[in-house]
Structures are given as structure tokens and as C-alpha cells.
Amino acid sequence: MADALSPREAAAIAWTEAVTRIGETRAPDSVFQPLREHFSDAEIADLTLAIALMNAFTRVAVAMRQ
């Protein structure tokens, strides 16, 4: 599947995984640097906020037995 992704898409997915599992990964530079090659600072901020928001919605849904 990785071959089907553009480098930009792969960087976004890697960042999503790192942020979602931040307790384990600590969002390492090895994932952040490739992200900076494909996204502006504003895009990274937007992407990170979207990831955080979706994770929050998921946590609330799980906690509320949805």
C-alpha cells in the first residue's frame, strides 16, 4: 500500500500515527522533518489540530459507549 501513496500522503499518515500514539512516540523529529518537506507551517498546524480533534471525538465516543 505504501507504494500507492505520494510522499506527501505518506508523511501525513506517518504524522497522524505519531500524534495519535504520542504517549509512545513523542512525535519524533524523524517523522516531523519529512512532514516539513511537504507541508507549510500553517498546513502542519491544521493537520495536527484535525488529528487531535478526531482523536478527541474517538475518545469521547469510546468513553460514552457509542
PDB file of N, CA and C in Angstrom:
ATOM      1  N   MET A   1       0.819  -1.186   0.000  1.00  0.00           N
ATOM      2  CA  MET A   1       0.000   0.000   0.000  1.00  0.00           C
ATOM      3  C   MET A   1       0.867   1.255   0.000  1.00  0.00           C
ATOM      4  N   ALA A   2       2.000   1.203   0.636  1.00  0.00           N
ATOM      5  CA  ALA A   2       2.864   2.382   0.716  1.00  0.00           C
ATOM      6  C   ALA A   2       3.253   2.880  -0.663  1.00  0.00           C
ATOM      7  N   ASP A   3       3.343   1.983  -1.638  1.00  0.00           N
ATOM      8  CA  ASP A   3       3.686   2.389  -2.996  1.00  0.00           C
ATOM      9  C   ASP A   3       2.569   3.198  -3.641  1.00  0.00           C
ATOM     10  N   ALA A   4       1.360   3.064  -3.130  1.00  0.00           N
ATOM     11  CA  ALA A   4       0.216   3.776  -3.686  1.00  0.00           C
ATOM     12  C   ALA A   4       0.116   5.206  -3.162  1.00  0.00           C
ATOM     13  N   LEU A   5       0.907   5.544  -2.171  1.00  0.00           N
ATOM     14  CA  LEU A   5       0.851   6.864  -1.558  1.00  0.00           C
ATOM     15  C   LEU A   5       1.928   7.778  -2.126  1.00  0.00           C
ATOM     16  N   SER A   6       1.584   9.018  -2.272  1.00  0.00           N
ATOM     17  CA  SER A   6       2.593  10.011  -2.639  1.00  0.00           C
ATOM     18  C   SER A   6       3.452  10.286  -1.404  1.00  0.00           C
ATOM     19  N   PRO A   7       4.628  10.856  -1.581  1.00  0.00           N
ATOM     20  CA  PRO A   7       5.444  11.200  -0.408  1.00  0.00           C
ATOM     21  C   PRO A   7       4.710  12.132   0.558  1.00  0.00           C
ATOM     22  N   ARG A   8       3.925  13.056   0.024  1.00  0.00           N
ATOM     23  CA  ARG A   8       3.137  13.971   0.870  1.00  0.00           C
ATOM     24  C   ARG A   8       2.109  13.196   1.697  1.00  0.00           C
ATOM     25  N   GLU A   9       1.400  12.257   1.054  1.00  0.00           N
ATOM     26  CA  GLU A   9       0.409  11.441   1.765  1.00  0.00           C
ATOM     27  C   GLU A   9       1.078  10.563   2.821  1.00  0.00           C
ATOM     28  N   ALA A  10       2.198   9.966   2.470  1.00  0.00           N
ATOM     29  CA  ALA A  10       2.914   9.111   3.426  1.00  0.00           C
ATOM     30  C   ALA A  10       3.373   9.912   4.634  1.00  0.00           C
ATOM     31  N   ALA A  11       3.846  11.138   4.417  1.00  0.00           N
ATOM     32  CA  ALA A  11       4.281  11.993   5.532  1.00  0.00           C
ATOM     33  C   ALA A  11       3.100  12.331   6.426  1.00  0.00           C
ATOM     34  N   ALA A  12       1.952  12.628   5.835  1.00  0.00           N
ATOM     35  CA  ALA A  12       0.757  12.958   6.621  1.00  0.00           C
ATOM     36  C   ALA A  12       0.281  11.759   7.432  1.00  0.00           C
ATOM     37  N   ILE A  13       0.306  10.590   6.838  1.00  0.00           N
ATOM     38  CA  ILE A  13      -0.124   9.388   7.559  1.00  0.00           C
ATOM     39  C   ILE A  13       0.851   9.062   8.684  1.00  0.00           C
ATOM     40  N   ALA A  14       2.134   9.179   8.438  1.00  0.00           N
ATOM     41  CA  ALA A  14       3.125   8.927   9.494  1.00  0.00           C
ATOM     42  C   ALA A  14       2.938   9.910  10.643  1.00  0.00           C
ATOM     43  N   TRP A  15       2.665  11.177  10.312  1.00  0.00           N
ATOM     44  CA  TRP A  15       2.434  12.186  11.353  1.00  0.00           C
ATOM     45  C   TRP A  15       1.157  11.867  12.134  1.00  0.00           C
ATOM     46  N   THR A  16       0.127  11.430  11.436  1.00  0.00           N
ATOM     47  CA  THR A  16      -1.121  11.059  12.103  1.00  0.00           C
ATOM     48  C   THR A  16      -0.884   9.941  13.104  1.00  0.00           C
ATOM     49  N   GLU A  17      -0.146   8.943  12.698  1.00  0.00           N
ATOM     50  CA  GLU A  17       0.161   7.825  13.603  1.00  0.00           C
ATOM     51  C   GLU A  17       0.990   8.301  14.797  1.00  0.00           C
ATOM     52  N   ALA A  18       1.992   9.132  14.546  1.00  0.00           N
ATOM     53  CA  ALA A  18       2.856   9.625  15.630  1.00  0.00           C
ATOM     54  C   ALA A  18       2.075  10.461  16.628  1.00  0.00           C
ATOM     55  N   VAL A  19       1.182  11.318  16.128  1.00  0.00           N
ATOM     56  CA  VAL A  19       0.400  12.169  17.031  1.00  0.00           C
ATOM     57  C   VAL A  19      -0.644  11.346  17.772  1.00  0.00           C
ATOM     58  N   THR A  20      -1.273  10.408  17.088  1.00  0.00           N
ATOM     59  CA  THR A  20      -2.270   9.552  17.727  1.00  0.00           C
ATOM     60  C   THR A  20      -1.651   8.730  18.853  1.00  0.00           C
ATOM     61  N   ARG A  21      -0.437   8.273  18.668  1.00  0.00           N
ATOM     62  CA  ARG A  21       0.260   7.455  19.666  1.00  0.00           C
ATOM     63  C   ARG A  21       1.348   8.267  20.375  1.00  0.00           C
ATOM     64  N   ILE A  22       1.078   9.532  20.643  1.00  0.00           N
ATOM     65  CA  ILE A  22       2.096  10.457  21.133  1.00  0.00           C
ATOM     66  C   ILE A  22       2.718  10.011  22.459  1.00  0.00           C
ATOM     67  N   GLY A  23       1.955   9.314  23.284  1.00  0.00           N
ATOM     68  CA  GLY A  23       2.495   8.808  24.539  1.00  0.00           C
ATOM     69  C   GLY A  23       3.643   7.829  24.331  1.00  0.00           C
ATOM     70  N   GLU A  24       3.592   7.109  23.245  1.00  0.00           N
ATOM     71  CA  GLU A  24       4.641   6.149  22.902  1.00  0.00           C
ATOM     72  C   GLU A  24       5.717   6.773  22.020  1.00  0.00           C
ATOM     73  N   THR A  25       5.282   7.586  21.052  1.00  0.00           N
ATOM     74  CA  THR A  25       6.217   8.064  20.032  1.00  0.00           C
ATOM     75  C   THR A  25       6.908   9.377  20.365  1.00  0.00           C
ATOM     76  N   ARG A  26       6.226  10.218  21.143  1.00  0.00           N
ATOM     77  CA  ARG A  26       6.722  11.578  21.439  1.00  0.00           C
ATOM     78  C   ARG A  26       6.892  12.406  20.169  1.00  0.00           C
ATOM     79  N   ALA A  27       6.141  12.069  19.109  1.00  0.00           N
ATOM     80  CA  ALA A  27       6.186  12.790  17.832  1.00  0.00           C
ATOM     81  C   ALA A  27       7.627  13.107  17.434  1.00  0.00           C
ATOM     82  N   PRO A  28       8.378  12.089  17.059  1.00  0.00           N
ATOM     83  CA  PRO A  28       9.813  12.257  16.840  1.00  0.00           C
ATOM     84  C   PRO A  28      10.167  13.123  15.635  1.00  0.00           C
ATOM     85  N   ASP A  29      11.352  13.707  15.711  1.00  0.00           N
ATOM     86  CA  ASP A  29      11.863  14.511  14.602  1.00  0.00           C
ATOM     87  C   ASP A  29      11.941  13.701  13.310  1.00  0.00           C
ATOM     88  N   SER A  30      12.181  12.407  13.433  1.00  0.00           N
ATOM     89  CA  SER A  30      12.293  11.566  12.241  1.00  0.00           C
ATOM     90  C   SER A  30      10.977  11.495  11.462  1.00  0.00           C
ATOM     91  N   VAL A  31       9.870  11.791  12.111  1.00  0.00           N
ATOM     92  CA  VAL A  31       8.573  11.845  11.450  1.00  0.00           C
ATOM     93  C   VAL A  31       8.215  13.288  11.097  1.00  0.00           C
ATOM     94  N   PHE A  32       8.615  14.219  11.941  1.00  0.00           N
ATOM     95  CA  PHE A  32       8.284  15.631  11.712  1.00  0.00           C
ATOM     96  C   PHE A  32       9.045  16.234  10.542  1.00  0.00           C
ATOM     97  N   GLN A  33      10.306  15.893  10.399  1.00  0.00           N
ATOM     98  CA  GLN A  33      11.105  16.501   9.326  1.00  0.00           C
ATOM     99  C   GLN A  33      10.571  16.186   7.930  1.00  0.00           C
ATOM    100  N   PRO A  34      10.207  14.944   7.624  1.00  0.00           N
ATOM    101  CA  PRO A  34       9.622  14.690   6.302  1.00  0.00           C
ATOM    102  C   PRO A  34       8.307  15.457   6.094  1.00  0.00           C
ATOM    103  N   LEU A  35       7.565  15.645   7.158  1.00  0.00           N
ATOM    104  CA  LEU A  35       6.329  16.411   7.080  1.00  0.00           C
ATOM    105  C   LEU A  35       6.624  17.838   6.631  1.00  0.00           C
ATOM    106  N   ARG A  36       7.679  18.435   7.160  1.00  0.00           N
ATOM    107  CA  ARG A  36       8.051  19.811   6.819  1.00  0.00           C
ATOM    108  C   ARG A  36       8.483  19.949   5.364  1.00  0.00           C
ATOM    109  N   GLU A  37       8.904  18.856   4.767  1.00  0.00           N
ATOM    110  CA  GLU A  37       9.304  18.890   3.361  1.00  0.00           C
ATOM    111  C   GLU A  37       8.099  19.025   2.420  1.00  0.00           C
ATOM    112  N   HIS A  38       6.915  18.665   2.920  1.00  0.00           N
ATOM    113  CA  HIS A  38       5.733  18.612   2.064  1.00  0.00           C
ATOM    114  C   HIS A  38       4.600  19.540   2.490  1.00  0.00           C
ATOM    115  N   PHE A  39       4.700  20.111   3.682  1.00  0.00           N
ATOM    116  CA  PHE A  39       3.632  20.953   4.211  1.00  0.00           C
ATOM    117  C   PHE A  39       4.198  22.249   4.775  1.00  0.00           C
ATOM    118  N   SER A  40       3.432  23.318   4.641  1.00  0.00           N
ATOM    119  CA  SER A  40       3.801  24.591   5.254  1.00  0.00           C
ATOM    120  C   SER A  40       3.519  24.521   6.761  1.00  0.00           C
ATOM    121  N   ASP A  41       4.022  25.495   7.487  1.00  0.00           N
ATOM    122  CA  ASP A  41       3.760  25.534   8.931  1.00  0.00           C
ATOM    123  C   ASP A  41       2.260  25.603   9.213  1.00  0.00           C
ATOM    124  N   ALA A  42       1.547  26.391   8.445  1.00  0.00           N
ATOM    125  CA  ALA A  42       0.093  26.504   8.637  1.00  0.00           C
ATOM    126  C   ALA A  42      -0.599  25.176   8.346  1.00  0.00           C
ATOM    127  N   GLU A  43      -0.171  24.486   7.302  1.00  0.00           N
ATOM    128  CA  GLU A  43      -0.765  23.182   6.984  1.00  0.00           C
ATOM    129  C   GLU A  43      -0.469  22.159   8.068  1.00  0.00           C
ATOM    130  N   ILE A  44       0.733  22.198   8.622  1.00  0.00           N
ATOM    131  CA  ILE A  44       1.075  21.275   9.714  1.00  0.00           C
ATOM    132  C   ILE A  44       0.212  21.565  10.927  1.00  0.00           C
ATOM    133  N   ALA A  45       0.010  22.834  11.229  1.00  0.00           N
ATOM    134  CA  ALA A  45      -0.850  23.204  12.359  1.00  0.00           C
ATOM    135  C   ALA A  45      -2.274  22.712  12.123  1.00  0.00           C
ATOM    136  N   ASP A  46      -2.803  22.928  10.914  1.00  0.00           N
ATOM    137  CA  ASP A  46      -4.155  22.472  10.594  1.00  0.00           C
ATOM    138  C   ASP A  46      -4.265  20.959  10.672  1.00  0.00           C
ATOM    139  N   LEU A  47      -3.290  20.262  10.116  1.00  0.00           N
ATOM    140  CA  LEU A  47      -3.296  18.804  10.146  1.00  0.00           C
ATOM    141  C   LEU A  47      -3.233  18.289  11.581  1.00  0.00           C
ATOM    142  N   THR A  48      -2.362  18.868  12.375  1.00  0.00           N
ATOM    143  CA  THR A  48      -2.211  18.431  13.764  1.00  0.00           C
ATOM    144  C   THR A  48      -3.492  18.677  14.557  1.00  0.00           C
ATOM    145  N   LEU A  49      -4.124  19.816  14.340  1.00  0.00           N
ATOM    146  CA  LEU A  49      -5.391  20.105  15.016  1.00  0.00           C
ATOM    147  C   LEU A  49      -6.471  19.116  14.577  1.00  0.00           C
ATOM    148  N   ALA A  50      -6.535  18.808  13.297  1.00  0.00           N
ATOM    149  CA  ALA A  50      -7.517  17.837  12.810  1.00  0.00           C
ATOM    150  C   ALA A  50      -7.284  16.461  13.430  1.00  0.00           C
ATOM    151  N   ILE A  51      -6.035  16.055  13.535  1.00  0.00           N
ATOM    152  CA  ILE A  51      -5.700  14.764  14.160  1.00  0.00           C
ATOM    153  C   ILE A  51      -6.138  14.771  15.620  1.00  0.00           C
ATOM    154  N   ALA A  52      -5.802  15.825  16.331  1.00  0.00           N
ATOM    155  CA  ALA A  52      -6.152  15.925  17.750  1.00  0.00           C
ATOM    156  C   ALA A  52      -7.668  15.910  17.947  1.00  0.00           C
ATOM    157  N   LEU A  53      -8.381  16.618  17.088  1.00  0.00           N
ATOM    158  CA  LEU A  53      -9.832  16.676  17.190  1.00  0.00           C
ATOM    159  C   LEU A  53     -10.462  15.312  16.937  1.00  0.00           C
ATOM    160  N   MET A  54      -9.997  14.619  15.917  1.00  0.00           N
ATOM    161  CA  MET A  54     -10.540  13.286  15.637  1.00  0.00           C
ATOM    162  C   MET A  54     -10.225  12.309  16.767  1.00  0.00           C
ATOM    163  N   ASN A  55      -9.038  12.432  17.343  1.00  0.00           N
ATOM    164  CA  ASN A  55      -8.699  11.588  18.485  1.00  0.00           C
ATOM    165  C   ASN A  55      -9.591  11.911  19.678  1.00  0.00           C
ATOM    166  N   ALA A  56      -9.886  13.188  19.889  1.00  0.00           N
ATOM    167  CA  ALA A  56     -10.783  13.576  20.989  1.00  0.00           C
ATOM    168  C   ALA A  56     -12.179  13.007  20.765  1.00  0.00           C
ATOM    169  N   PHE A  57     -12.697  13.129  19.543  1.00  0.00           N
ATOM    170  CA  PHE A  57     -14.016  12.576  19.245  1.00  0.00           C
ATOM    171  C   PHE A  57     -14.044  11.069  19.475  1.00  0.00           C
ATOM    172  N   THR A  58     -13.003  10.388  19.069  1.00  0.00           N
ATOM    173  CA  THR A  58     -12.933   8.945  19.262  1.00  0.00           C
ATOM    174  C   THR A  58     -12.916   8.594  20.738  1.00  0.00           C
ATOM    175  N   ARG A  59     -12.128   9.307  21.531  1.00  0.00           N
ATOM    176  CA  ARG A  59     -12.064   9.032  22.970  1.00  0.00           C
ATOM    177  C   ARG A  59     -13.414   9.266  23.641  1.00  0.00           C
ATOM    178  N   VAL A  60     -14.105  10.334  23.267  1.00  0.00           N
ATOM    179  CA  VAL A  60     -15.429  10.606  23.840  1.00  0.00           C
ATOM    180  C   VAL A  60     -16.415   9.507  23.432  1.00  0.00           C
ATOM    181  N   ALA A  61     -16.392   9.129  22.167  1.00  0.00           N
ATOM    182  CA  ALA A  61     -17.305   8.087  21.697  1.00  0.00           C
ATOM    183  C   ALA A  61     -17.060   6.761  22.421  1.00  0.00           C
ATOM    184  N   VAL A  62     -15.812   6.396  22.599  1.00  0.00           N
ATOM    185  CA  VAL A  62     -15.493   5.150  23.299  1.00  0.00           C
ATOM    186  C   VAL A  62     -15.928   5.246  24.765  1.00  0.00           C
ATOM    187  N   ALA A  63     -15.629   6.370  25.396  1.00  0.00           N
ATOM    188  CA  ALA A  63     -15.985   6.546  26.803  1.00  0.00           C
ATOM    189  C   ALA A  63     -17.507   6.534  27.009  1.00  0.00           C
ATOM    190  N   MET A  64     -18.241   7.041  26.025  1.00  0.00           N
ATOM    191  CA  MET A  64     -19.699   7.101  26.137  1.00  0.00           C
ATOM    192  C   MET A  64     -20.387   5.851  25.580  1.00  0.00           C
ATOM    193  N   ARG A  65     -19.566   4.854  25.259  1.00  0.00           N
ATOM    194  CA  ARG A  65     -20.068   3.557  24.775  1.00  0.00           C
ATOM    195  C   ARG A  65     -20.857   3.704  23.473  1.00  0.00           C
ATOM    196  N   GLN A  66     -20.384   4.576  22.606  1.00  0.00           N
ATOM    197  CA  GLN A  66     -21.063   4.801  21.333  1.00  0.00           C
ATOM    198  C   GLN A  66     -20.617   3.795  20.305  1.00  0.00           C
TER     199      GLN A  66
END
